[in-house]
Amino acid sequence: MSYLVDGNNVMGQRVGWHRDKAGARRRGRHGRGGRRLLSELARLARAAGVTVEVVFDGSPEEHFPDGAYFMGVRVFYAERGSDADERIKRLVEASRERRTLKVVTSDRTLAAYVRQCGAQVVRSGDFRRRLDEEAVEESMKAERNERSGVKASELGEWMSYFGVAPEDDDEEEPPPAEVKRPTIKPKKRKKR
C-alpha cells in the first residue's frame, strides 16, 4: 500500500500554516518541538511499512528538489504554471498499483478523479488525525522506554560495574543440570 499526499491540504488542517508555507513543510510551527510534516510522514511510513509520496504547491526548495527523498518520503512539487492537484492526477495516472494507492486530499474534484482511476481517497482531516495519533503513540513508547531500566547506551558501563565482560554476555549458558534424588532403600529389619 502507498500514500500520495496533497501536502498543502494536510498542512491546511493546522491553524497558522499559511504564514510560512515553506517552513511548515520542513519545520512547522505546530505542536511540541515544531513537528515537521515531512518527519511525520516519514514516521508513518516506518511505523506502517508503507510508501509515502507528497506533492506541494509552489516551486521546489533548494535542499529538496522535485523527486528527492526525505527520510524515505518522496517529495514532488507542482509544475510551473500548474498546481499540486494536476501533479497528483498525473502521478495517479502513471501508477501501476492504483488499487492499493491511497490519495490524501480534501479537494472534491481531485477525489472524484482519483476514484475514477481506481485509487482510494483519504480525507486530509482524517489523515491529519492519524499522523497525530502516530505521534502520540511514538511519544508514549519513547517515554515507556525511557523509564524501563537500563538504556542500551549504559549497558556496557553497568556490565563493567558488576564485573561482567561484554564477551561473557555472548556465551550460552549451559542447560540446568537435572537434580537426581537419591534412591532410599528400605532398611531390612532384623529378625528377633
N, C-alpha and C. Protein backbone atom coordinates (compact mmCIF):
# COMPACT_ATOMS: atom_id res chain seq x y z
N MET A 1 0.85 -1.18 0.00
CA MET A 1 0.00 0.00 0.00
C MET A 1 0.89 1.23 0.00
N SER A 2 0.43 2.27 -0.65
CA SER A 2 1.19 3.52 -0.66
C SER A 2 0.23 4.71 -0.56
N TYR A 3 0.80 5.80 -0.07
CA TYR A 3 0.04 7.05 0.08
C TYR A 3 0.62 8.11 -0.84
N LEU A 4 -0.25 8.86 -1.49
CA LEU A 4 0.13 10.03 -2.26
C LEU A 4 -0.60 11.19 -1.60
N VAL A 5 0.16 12.09 -0.98
CA VAL A 5 -0.40 13.10 -0.09
C VAL A 5 -0.39 14.48 -0.73
N ASP A 6 -1.53 15.15 -0.68
CA ASP A 6 -1.61 16.56 -1.07
C ASP A 6 -1.10 17.34 0.15
N GLY A 7 0.16 17.69 0.13
CA GLY A 7 0.83 18.30 1.28
C GLY A 7 0.16 19.55 1.80
N ASN A 8 -0.26 20.43 0.90
CA ASN A 8 -0.89 21.67 1.34
C ASN A 8 -2.24 21.41 2.02
N ASN A 9 -2.97 20.41 1.56
CA ASN A 9 -4.24 20.06 2.21
C ASN A 9 -4.01 19.58 3.63
N VAL A 10 -2.99 18.76 3.84
CA VAL A 10 -2.72 18.24 5.18
C VAL A 10 -2.19 19.35 6.07
N MET A 11 -1.30 20.21 5.53
CA MET A 11 -0.80 21.34 6.32
C MET A 11 -1.94 22.28 6.67
N GLY A 12 -2.92 22.40 5.77
CA GLY A 12 -4.06 23.27 5.99
C GLY A 12 -4.95 22.82 7.15
N GLN A 13 -4.75 21.64 7.64
CA GLN A 13 -5.52 21.14 8.78
C GLN A 13 -5.02 21.72 10.10
N ARG A 14 -3.93 22.46 10.05
CA ARG A 14 -3.36 23.12 11.23
C ARG A 14 -3.53 24.63 11.09
N VAL A 15 -3.87 25.28 12.17
CA VAL A 15 -4.05 26.72 12.18
C VAL A 15 -2.68 27.40 12.02
N GLY A 16 -2.62 28.42 11.17
CA GLY A 16 -1.42 29.24 11.04
C GLY A 16 -0.37 28.74 10.07
N TRP A 17 -0.61 27.65 9.39
CA TRP A 17 0.40 27.10 8.49
C TRP A 17 0.72 28.05 7.33
N HIS A 18 -0.26 28.83 6.91
CA HIS A 18 -0.12 29.67 5.73
C HIS A 18 0.88 30.82 5.91
N ARG A 19 1.24 31.15 7.15
CA ARG A 19 2.19 32.25 7.38
C ARG A 19 3.59 31.92 6.88
N ASP A 20 3.93 30.64 6.88
CA ASP A 20 5.26 30.22 6.43
C ASP A 20 5.11 28.86 5.77
N LYS A 21 4.63 28.86 4.52
CA LYS A 21 4.35 27.59 3.83
C LYS A 21 5.59 26.71 3.70
N ALA A 22 6.69 27.30 3.29
CA ALA A 22 7.92 26.51 3.14
C ALA A 22 8.38 25.97 4.49
N GLY A 23 8.26 26.79 5.53
CA GLY A 23 8.64 26.35 6.87
C GLY A 23 7.73 25.26 7.39
N ALA A 24 6.44 25.34 7.07
CA ALA A 24 5.50 24.32 7.52
C ALA A 24 5.83 22.97 6.89
N ARG A 25 6.37 23.00 5.68
CA ARG A 25 6.78 21.75 5.05
C ARG A 25 7.88 21.09 5.86
N ARG A 26 8.86 21.92 6.24
CA ARG A 26 10.05 21.39 6.90
C ARG A 26 9.90 21.33 8.41
N ARG A 27 9.68 22.49 9.04
CA ARG A 27 9.75 22.52 10.50
C ARG A 27 8.42 22.77 11.17
N GLY A 28 7.50 23.39 10.49
CA GLY A 28 6.18 23.65 11.07
C GLY A 28 6.26 24.58 12.26
N ARG A 29 5.14 25.03 12.71
CA ARG A 29 5.06 25.88 13.89
C ARG A 29 4.03 25.29 14.84
N HIS A 30 3.81 24.01 14.71
CA HIS A 30 2.69 23.40 15.41
C HIS A 30 3.18 22.31 16.35
N GLY A 31 2.56 22.23 17.49
CA GLY A 31 2.85 21.14 18.41
C GLY A 31 4.19 21.32 19.10
N ARG A 32 4.49 20.40 20.00
CA ARG A 32 5.73 20.45 20.75
C ARG A 32 6.92 20.26 19.84
N GLY A 33 7.94 21.09 20.03
CA GLY A 33 9.17 20.93 19.28
C GLY A 33 9.03 21.25 17.81
N GLY A 34 7.94 21.86 17.37
CA GLY A 34 7.78 22.20 15.96
C GLY A 34 7.81 20.98 15.08
N ARG A 35 6.80 20.15 15.14
CA ARG A 35 6.75 18.96 14.29
C ARG A 35 6.86 19.36 12.84
N ARG A 36 7.42 18.50 12.06
CA ARG A 36 7.57 18.77 10.64
C ARG A 36 6.72 17.77 9.87
N LEU A 37 6.02 18.27 8.88
CA LEU A 37 5.15 17.39 8.09
C LEU A 37 5.96 16.26 7.47
N LEU A 38 7.09 16.58 6.89
CA LEU A 38 7.89 15.52 6.26
C LEU A 38 8.34 14.49 7.28
N SER A 39 8.70 14.93 8.47
CA SER A 39 9.11 14.00 9.52
C SER A 39 7.93 13.13 9.96
N GLU A 40 6.76 13.73 10.04
CA GLU A 40 5.56 12.98 10.42
C GLU A 40 5.23 11.92 9.37
N LEU A 41 5.39 12.30 8.11
CA LEU A 41 5.13 11.35 7.03
C LEU A 41 6.14 10.21 7.07
N ALA A 42 7.40 10.56 7.35
CA ALA A 42 8.44 9.53 7.45
C ALA A 42 8.16 8.58 8.61
N ARG A 43 7.70 9.10 9.73
CA ARG A 43 7.37 8.27 10.89
C ARG A 43 6.24 7.30 10.53
N LEU A 44 5.23 7.80 9.84
CA LEU A 44 4.12 6.94 9.42
C LEU A 44 4.61 5.85 8.47
N ALA A 45 5.45 6.21 7.53
CA ALA A 45 5.97 5.24 6.56
C ALA A 45 6.71 4.11 7.28
N ARG A 46 7.53 4.47 8.27
CA ARG A 46 8.28 3.46 9.03
C ARG A 46 7.34 2.60 9.87
N ALA A 47 6.45 3.24 10.60
CA ALA A 47 5.57 2.52 11.53
C ALA A 47 4.60 1.59 10.80
N ALA A 48 4.05 2.06 9.70
CA ALA A 48 3.03 1.28 8.98
C ALA A 48 3.64 0.43 7.87
N GLY A 49 4.91 0.65 7.56
CA GLY A 49 5.55 -0.11 6.49
C GLY A 49 4.95 0.19 5.13
N VAL A 50 4.68 1.47 4.87
CA VAL A 50 4.07 1.88 3.61
C VAL A 50 4.98 2.87 2.88
N THR A 51 4.72 3.05 1.60
CA THR A 51 5.42 4.04 0.80
C THR A 51 4.62 5.34 0.86
N VAL A 52 5.33 6.47 1.02
CA VAL A 52 4.65 7.76 1.08
C VAL A 52 5.32 8.73 0.10
N GLU A 53 4.48 9.38 -0.70
CA GLU A 53 4.93 10.45 -1.58
C GLU A 53 4.05 11.65 -1.26
N VAL A 54 4.64 12.85 -1.35
CA VAL A 54 3.89 14.07 -1.04
C VAL A 54 4.11 15.08 -2.16
N VAL A 55 3.04 15.82 -2.47
CA VAL A 55 3.10 16.85 -3.51
C VAL A 55 2.73 18.18 -2.87
N PHE A 56 3.59 19.19 -3.09
CA PHE A 56 3.34 20.53 -2.57
C PHE A 56 3.09 21.50 -3.70
N ASP A 57 2.26 22.53 -3.42
CA ASP A 57 2.13 23.64 -4.36
C ASP A 57 3.39 24.48 -4.26
N GLY A 58 3.68 25.22 -5.30
CA GLY A 58 4.85 26.10 -5.26
C GLY A 58 6.08 25.46 -5.88
N SER A 59 7.14 26.24 -5.91
CA SER A 59 8.37 25.77 -6.54
C SER A 59 9.21 24.95 -5.56
N PRO A 60 10.07 24.10 -6.11
CA PRO A 60 10.92 23.25 -5.26
C PRO A 60 11.85 24.07 -4.38
N GLU A 61 12.18 23.50 -3.25
CA GLU A 61 13.12 24.13 -2.33
C GLU A 61 14.54 23.77 -2.73
N GLU A 62 15.46 24.56 -2.29
CA GLU A 62 16.87 24.36 -2.63
C GLU A 62 17.37 23.00 -2.17
N HIS A 63 17.05 22.60 -0.96
CA HIS A 63 17.57 21.36 -0.40
C HIS A 63 16.71 20.14 -0.71
N PHE A 64 15.51 20.36 -1.22
CA PHE A 64 14.62 19.25 -1.57
C PHE A 64 14.08 19.47 -2.98
N PRO A 65 14.88 19.14 -3.98
CA PRO A 65 14.39 19.31 -5.35
C PRO A 65 13.27 18.33 -5.67
N ASP A 66 12.58 18.57 -6.76
CA ASP A 66 11.49 17.71 -7.17
C ASP A 66 11.98 16.27 -7.33
N GLY A 67 11.27 15.33 -6.71
CA GLY A 67 11.62 13.92 -6.80
C GLY A 67 12.62 13.45 -5.76
N ALA A 68 13.09 14.36 -4.90
CA ALA A 68 14.06 13.99 -3.86
C ALA A 68 13.37 13.20 -2.76
N TYR A 69 14.20 12.53 -1.96
CA TYR A 69 13.69 11.77 -0.81
C TYR A 69 14.09 12.45 0.48
N PHE A 70 13.17 12.47 1.42
CA PHE A 70 13.45 12.96 2.77
C PHE A 70 13.07 11.84 3.72
N MET A 71 14.07 11.20 4.31
CA MET A 71 13.84 10.11 5.26
C MET A 71 12.88 9.06 4.70
N GLY A 72 13.01 8.75 3.42
CA GLY A 72 12.19 7.73 2.79
C GLY A 72 10.92 8.25 2.14
N VAL A 73 10.59 9.51 2.33
CA VAL A 73 9.39 10.11 1.74
C VAL A 73 9.80 10.85 0.47
N ARG A 74 9.16 10.52 -0.64
CA ARG A 74 9.48 11.18 -1.91
C ARG A 74 8.70 12.49 -2.01
N VAL A 75 9.41 13.56 -2.38
CA VAL A 75 8.84 14.91 -2.40
C VAL A 75 8.70 15.41 -3.84
N PHE A 76 7.47 15.82 -4.19
CA PHE A 76 7.20 16.40 -5.51
C PHE A 76 6.59 17.79 -5.32
N TYR A 77 6.63 18.57 -6.40
CA TYR A 77 6.06 19.92 -6.39
C TYR A 77 5.20 20.10 -7.64
N ALA A 78 4.31 21.07 -7.56
CA ALA A 78 3.51 21.42 -8.73
C ALA A 78 4.45 21.96 -9.80
N GLU A 79 4.13 21.67 -11.03
CA GLU A 79 4.98 22.18 -12.11
C GLU A 79 4.65 23.64 -12.38
N ARG A 80 5.59 24.34 -12.96
CA ARG A 80 5.42 25.77 -13.24
C ARG A 80 4.12 26.00 -14.02
N GLY A 81 3.32 26.94 -13.53
CA GLY A 81 2.06 27.28 -14.18
C GLY A 81 0.93 26.30 -13.87
N SER A 82 1.14 25.42 -12.91
CA SER A 82 0.14 24.41 -12.56
C SER A 82 -0.01 24.35 -11.04
N ASP A 83 -0.76 23.38 -10.58
CA ASP A 83 -0.91 23.22 -9.13
C ASP A 83 -0.69 21.76 -8.72
N ALA A 84 -0.68 21.53 -7.42
CA ALA A 84 -0.41 20.18 -6.88
C ALA A 84 -1.47 19.19 -7.34
N ASP A 85 -2.72 19.62 -7.49
CA ASP A 85 -3.78 18.70 -7.91
C ASP A 85 -3.48 18.09 -9.27
N GLU A 86 -3.01 18.91 -10.20
CA GLU A 86 -2.68 18.41 -11.54
C GLU A 86 -1.51 17.43 -11.48
N ARG A 87 -0.54 17.73 -10.64
CA ARG A 87 0.61 16.83 -10.50
C ARG A 87 0.16 15.50 -9.89
N ILE A 88 -0.74 15.56 -8.93
CA ILE A 88 -1.27 14.34 -8.31
C ILE A 88 -2.02 13.50 -9.34
N LYS A 89 -2.81 14.14 -10.18
CA LYS A 89 -3.54 13.42 -11.23
C LYS A 89 -2.57 12.66 -12.12
N ARG A 90 -1.50 13.32 -12.53
CA ARG A 90 -0.52 12.68 -13.41
C ARG A 90 0.19 11.52 -12.70
N LEU A 91 0.49 11.68 -11.42
CA LEU A 91 1.14 10.60 -10.67
C LEU A 91 0.20 9.41 -10.51
N VAL A 92 -1.09 9.67 -10.31
CA VAL A 92 -2.07 8.59 -10.20
C VAL A 92 -2.17 7.86 -11.54
N GLU A 93 -2.25 8.62 -12.63
CA GLU A 93 -2.33 8.01 -13.96
C GLU A 93 -1.12 7.12 -14.25
N ALA A 94 0.04 7.52 -13.79
CA ALA A 94 1.27 6.78 -14.04
C ALA A 94 1.46 5.59 -13.09
N SER A 95 0.67 5.53 -12.03
CA SER A 95 0.82 4.48 -11.02
C SER A 95 0.41 3.12 -11.57
N ARG A 96 1.21 2.12 -11.29
CA ARG A 96 0.89 0.75 -11.70
C ARG A 96 0.04 0.04 -10.65
N GLU A 97 0.01 0.59 -9.46
CA GLU A 97 -0.68 -0.05 -8.33
C GLU A 97 -1.84 0.83 -7.84
N ARG A 98 -2.72 1.20 -8.72
CA ARG A 98 -3.82 2.10 -8.36
C ARG A 98 -4.75 1.52 -7.31
N ARG A 99 -4.93 0.20 -7.32
CA ARG A 99 -5.86 -0.42 -6.36
C ARG A 99 -5.37 -0.31 -4.92
N THR A 100 -4.06 -0.23 -4.74
CA THR A 100 -3.51 -0.12 -3.38
C THR A 100 -3.05 1.30 -3.06
N LEU A 101 -3.27 2.23 -3.98
CA LEU A 101 -2.87 3.62 -3.78
C LEU A 101 -3.96 4.38 -3.03
N LYS A 102 -3.55 5.12 -2.00
CA LYS A 102 -4.47 5.97 -1.25
C LYS A 102 -4.02 7.41 -1.45
N VAL A 103 -4.89 8.22 -2.00
CA VAL A 103 -4.60 9.63 -2.24
C VAL A 103 -5.22 10.44 -1.11
N VAL A 104 -4.39 11.24 -0.45
CA VAL A 104 -4.85 12.06 0.68
C VAL A 104 -5.13 13.46 0.15
N THR A 105 -6.41 13.85 0.17
CA THR A 105 -6.81 15.17 -0.30
C THR A 105 -8.19 15.53 0.25
N SER A 106 -8.46 16.83 0.30
CA SER A 106 -9.80 17.29 0.66
C SER A 106 -10.48 17.94 -0.53
N ASP A 107 -9.81 17.97 -1.66
CA ASP A 107 -10.35 18.57 -2.87
C ASP A 107 -11.35 17.59 -3.51
N ARG A 108 -12.60 17.99 -3.61
CA ARG A 108 -13.64 17.10 -4.11
C ARG A 108 -13.44 16.70 -5.57
N THR A 109 -13.04 17.65 -6.39
CA THR A 109 -12.84 17.36 -7.80
C THR A 109 -11.70 16.37 -7.98
N LEU A 110 -10.61 16.58 -7.27
CA LEU A 110 -9.48 15.67 -7.34
C LEU A 110 -9.88 14.28 -6.81
N ALA A 111 -10.62 14.25 -5.71
CA ALA A 111 -11.06 12.97 -5.13
C ALA A 111 -11.90 12.18 -6.13
N ALA A 112 -12.81 12.86 -6.82
CA ALA A 112 -13.65 12.18 -7.81
C ALA A 112 -12.80 11.62 -8.95
N TYR A 113 -11.84 12.38 -9.41
CA TYR A 113 -10.96 11.93 -10.49
C TYR A 113 -10.14 10.71 -10.06
N VAL A 114 -9.60 10.77 -8.85
CA VAL A 114 -8.77 9.69 -8.32
C VAL A 114 -9.59 8.40 -8.21
N ARG A 115 -10.83 8.52 -7.76
CA ARG A 115 -11.70 7.34 -7.63
C ARG A 115 -11.98 6.73 -9.01
N GLN A 116 -12.18 7.59 -10.02
CA GLN A 116 -12.41 7.11 -11.39
C GLN A 116 -11.21 6.32 -11.89
N CYS A 117 -10.03 6.68 -11.44
CA CYS A 117 -8.80 6.00 -11.86
C CYS A 117 -8.58 4.69 -11.09
N GLY A 118 -9.41 4.43 -10.08
CA GLY A 118 -9.30 3.18 -9.33
C GLY A 118 -8.54 3.28 -8.02
N ALA A 119 -8.11 4.47 -7.65
CA ALA A 119 -7.40 4.65 -6.37
C ALA A 119 -8.41 5.00 -5.28
N GLN A 120 -7.97 4.87 -4.04
CA GLN A 120 -8.80 5.21 -2.89
C GLN A 120 -8.51 6.65 -2.45
N VAL A 121 -9.44 7.23 -1.70
CA VAL A 121 -9.26 8.60 -1.21
C VAL A 121 -9.37 8.60 0.31
N VAL A 122 -8.45 9.34 0.93
CA VAL A 122 -8.48 9.56 2.37
C VAL A 122 -8.57 11.06 2.57
N ARG A 123 -9.55 11.50 3.35
CA ARG A 123 -9.70 12.94 3.58
C ARG A 123 -8.52 13.46 4.41
N SER A 124 -8.10 14.66 4.12
CA SER A 124 -6.94 15.26 4.78
C SER A 124 -7.10 15.34 6.29
N GLY A 125 -8.30 15.67 6.76
CA GLY A 125 -8.53 15.76 8.20
C GLY A 125 -8.37 14.41 8.89
N ASP A 126 -8.87 13.35 8.24
CA ASP A 126 -8.72 12.00 8.80
C ASP A 126 -7.25 11.61 8.84
N PHE A 127 -6.54 11.96 7.78
CA PHE A 127 -5.12 11.63 7.70
C PHE A 127 -4.33 12.42 8.75
N ARG A 128 -4.69 13.70 8.94
CA ARG A 128 -4.02 14.53 9.95
C ARG A 128 -4.19 13.91 11.33
N ARG A 129 -5.40 13.41 11.62
CA ARG A 129 -5.64 12.75 12.91
C ARG A 129 -4.78 11.50 13.05
N ARG A 130 -4.62 10.76 11.96
CA ARG A 130 -3.78 9.55 12.02
C ARG A 130 -2.33 9.93 12.31
N LEU A 131 -1.84 10.99 11.68
CA LEU A 131 -0.48 11.46 11.96
C LEU A 131 -0.33 11.87 13.42
N ASP A 132 -1.33 12.56 13.94
CA ASP A 132 -1.30 12.99 15.35
C ASP A 132 -1.31 11.78 16.29
N GLU A 133 -2.15 10.79 15.98
CA GLU A 133 -2.21 9.58 16.81
C GLU A 133 -0.87 8.84 16.78
N GLU A 134 -0.26 8.79 15.62
CA GLU A 134 1.05 8.14 15.46
C GLU A 134 2.10 8.86 16.31
N ALA A 135 2.03 10.19 16.33
CA ALA A 135 2.98 10.97 17.12
C ALA A 135 2.79 10.72 18.62
N VAL A 136 1.54 10.66 19.06
CA VAL A 136 1.25 10.40 20.47
C VAL A 136 1.73 9.00 20.85
N GLU A 137 1.45 8.04 19.99
CA GLU A 137 1.86 6.66 20.26
C GLU A 137 3.38 6.55 20.35
N GLU A 138 4.08 7.21 19.44
CA GLU A 138 5.55 7.17 19.47
C GLU A 138 6.09 7.86 20.72
N SER A 139 5.46 8.96 21.11
CA SER A 139 5.87 9.67 22.31
C SER A 139 5.69 8.81 23.56
N MET A 140 4.55 8.11 23.63
CA MET A 140 4.30 7.24 24.77
C MET A 140 5.29 6.07 24.79
N LYS A 141 5.60 5.53 23.62
CA LYS A 141 6.55 4.43 23.54
C LYS A 141 7.93 4.89 24.00
N ALA A 142 8.33 6.08 23.59
CA ALA A 142 9.64 6.62 23.99
C ALA A 142 9.68 6.85 25.50
N GLU A 143 8.57 7.34 26.04
CA GLU A 143 8.50 7.57 27.49
C GLU A 143 8.59 6.26 28.26
N ARG A 144 7.90 5.23 27.78
CA ARG A 144 7.98 3.91 28.43
C ARG A 144 9.40 3.37 28.36
N ASN A 145 10.04 3.51 27.20
CA ASN A 145 11.41 3.02 27.05
C ASN A 145 12.36 3.78 27.95
N GLU A 146 12.10 5.07 28.12
CA GLU A 146 12.96 5.90 28.96
C GLU A 146 12.90 5.45 30.41
N ARG A 147 11.73 5.02 30.84
CA ARG A 147 11.55 4.60 32.23
C ARG A 147 11.85 3.12 32.46
N SER A 148 12.11 2.38 31.41
CA SER A 148 12.21 0.93 31.57
C SER A 148 13.65 0.45 31.71
N GLY A 149 14.25 0.76 32.83
CA GLY A 149 15.54 0.16 33.16
C GLY A 149 16.73 0.77 32.46
N VAL A 150 17.72 -0.06 32.23
CA VAL A 150 19.00 0.37 31.68
C VAL A 150 18.86 0.68 30.20
N LYS A 151 19.39 1.82 29.81
CA LYS A 151 19.40 2.19 28.40
C LYS A 151 20.51 1.42 27.71
N ALA A 152 20.34 1.18 26.44
CA ALA A 152 21.34 0.43 25.67
C ALA A 152 22.70 1.13 25.74
N SER A 153 22.69 2.46 25.75
CA SER A 153 23.95 3.20 25.80
C SER A 153 24.66 3.05 27.14
N GLU A 154 23.94 2.66 28.18
CA GLU A 154 24.54 2.50 29.51
C GLU A 154 24.89 1.05 29.84
N LEU A 155 24.51 0.12 28.99
CA LEU A 155 24.67 -1.29 29.28
C LEU A 155 26.12 -1.69 29.56
N GLY A 156 27.05 -1.22 28.72
CA GLY A 156 28.47 -1.55 28.91
C GLY A 156 28.99 -1.08 30.25
N GLU A 157 28.60 0.13 30.65
CA GLU A 157 29.04 0.68 31.93
C GLU A 157 28.54 -0.17 33.10
N TRP A 158 27.27 -0.58 33.03
CA TRP A 158 26.72 -1.40 34.11
C TRP A 158 27.36 -2.79 34.14
N MET A 159 27.61 -3.35 32.98
CA MET A 159 28.25 -4.67 32.93
C MET A 159 29.64 -4.60 33.57
N SER A 160 30.36 -3.53 33.27
CA SER A 160 31.69 -3.33 33.85
C SER A 160 31.58 -3.18 35.37
N TYR A 161 30.61 -2.44 35.82
CA TYR A 161 30.42 -2.20 37.26
C TYR A 161 30.22 -3.52 38.01
N PHE A 162 29.48 -4.43 37.39
CA PHE A 162 29.21 -5.72 38.04
C PHE A 162 30.24 -6.79 37.68
N GLY A 163 31.30 -6.37 36.98
CA GLY A 163 32.39 -7.30 36.67
C GLY A 163 32.08 -8.29 35.57
N VAL A 164 31.20 -7.94 34.67
CA VAL A 164 30.87 -8.82 33.56
C VAL A 164 31.50 -8.24 32.30
N ALA A 165 32.31 -9.02 31.65
CA ALA A 165 32.92 -8.57 30.39
C ALA A 165 31.91 -8.75 29.27
N PRO A 166 31.96 -7.88 28.25
CA PRO A 166 30.99 -7.99 27.15
C PRO A 166 30.98 -9.37 26.50
N GLU A 167 32.15 -10.00 26.38
CA GLU A 167 32.18 -11.34 25.77
C GLU A 167 31.50 -12.39 26.65
N ASP A 168 31.44 -12.14 27.97
CA ASP A 168 30.75 -13.07 28.86
C ASP A 168 29.26 -13.12 28.55
N ASP A 169 28.74 -12.01 28.12
CA ASP A 169 27.31 -11.92 27.83
C ASP A 169 26.93 -12.73 26.60
N ASP A 170 27.89 -12.94 25.69
CA ASP A 170 27.59 -13.64 24.44
C ASP A 170 27.61 -15.15 24.58
N GLU A 171 28.22 -15.67 25.66
CA GLU A 171 28.30 -17.11 25.83
C GLU A 171 26.94 -17.68 26.19
N GLU A 172 26.74 -18.88 25.68
CA GLU A 172 25.48 -19.55 26.02
C GLU A 172 25.63 -20.19 27.39
N GLU A 173 24.61 -20.11 28.14
CA GLU A 173 24.63 -20.74 29.45
C GLU A 173 24.32 -22.22 29.27
N PRO A 174 25.03 -23.06 30.04
CA PRO A 174 24.73 -24.49 29.92
C PRO A 174 23.33 -24.76 30.45
N PRO A 175 22.70 -25.81 29.93
CA PRO A 175 21.35 -26.11 30.42
C PRO A 175 21.43 -26.50 31.89
N PRO A 176 20.41 -26.21 32.64
CA PRO A 176 20.44 -26.55 34.06
C PRO A 176 20.55 -28.06 34.24
N ALA A 177 21.38 -28.45 35.19
CA ALA A 177 21.58 -29.88 35.45
C ALA A 177 20.34 -30.44 36.11
N GLU A 178 20.06 -31.68 35.74
CA GLU A 178 18.91 -32.32 36.36
C GLU A 178 19.28 -32.70 37.78
N VAL A 179 18.38 -32.50 38.65
CA VAL A 179 18.60 -32.86 40.05
C VAL A 179 18.10 -34.28 40.24
N LYS A 180 19.03 -35.15 40.63
CA LYS A 180 18.63 -36.54 40.86
C LYS A 180 18.43 -36.74 42.36
N ARG A 181 17.34 -37.30 42.67
CA ARG A 181 17.06 -37.57 44.07
C ARG A 181 17.67 -38.94 44.42
N PRO A 182 18.28 -38.98 45.56
CA PRO A 182 18.85 -40.27 45.94
C PRO A 182 17.74 -41.30 46.17
N THR A 183 18.07 -42.49 45.79
CA THR A 183 17.12 -43.58 46.00
C THR A 183 17.28 -44.06 47.43
N ILE A 184 16.22 -44.08 48.13
CA ILE A 184 16.26 -44.52 49.53
C ILE A 184 15.78 -45.96 49.57
N LYS A 185 16.70 -46.81 50.04
CA LYS A 185 16.35 -48.22 50.14
C LYS A 185 15.78 -48.47 51.53
N PRO A 186 14.73 -49.21 51.58
CA PRO A 186 14.18 -49.50 52.91
C PRO A 186 15.16 -50.37 53.70
N LYS A 187 15.23 -50.05 54.96
CA LYS A 187 16.12 -50.84 55.83
C LYS A 187 15.50 -52.20 56.08
N LYS A 188 16.38 -53.18 56.16
CA LYS A 188 15.90 -54.51 56.48
C LYS A 188 15.78 -54.65 57.98
N ARG A 189 14.75 -55.25 58.38
CA ARG A 189 14.53 -55.46 59.81
C ARG A 189 15.25 -56.71 60.25
N LYS A 190 15.79 -56.60 61.38
CA LYS A 190 16.44 -57.77 61.95
C LYS A 190 15.40 -58.69 62.54
N LYS A 191 15.65 -59.93 62.40
CA LYS A 191 14.72 -60.90 62.97
C LYS A 191 15.04 -61.06 64.42
N ARG A 192 14.08 -61.25 65.25
CA ARG A 192 14.27 -61.42 66.67
C ARG A 192 14.11 -62.81 67.08
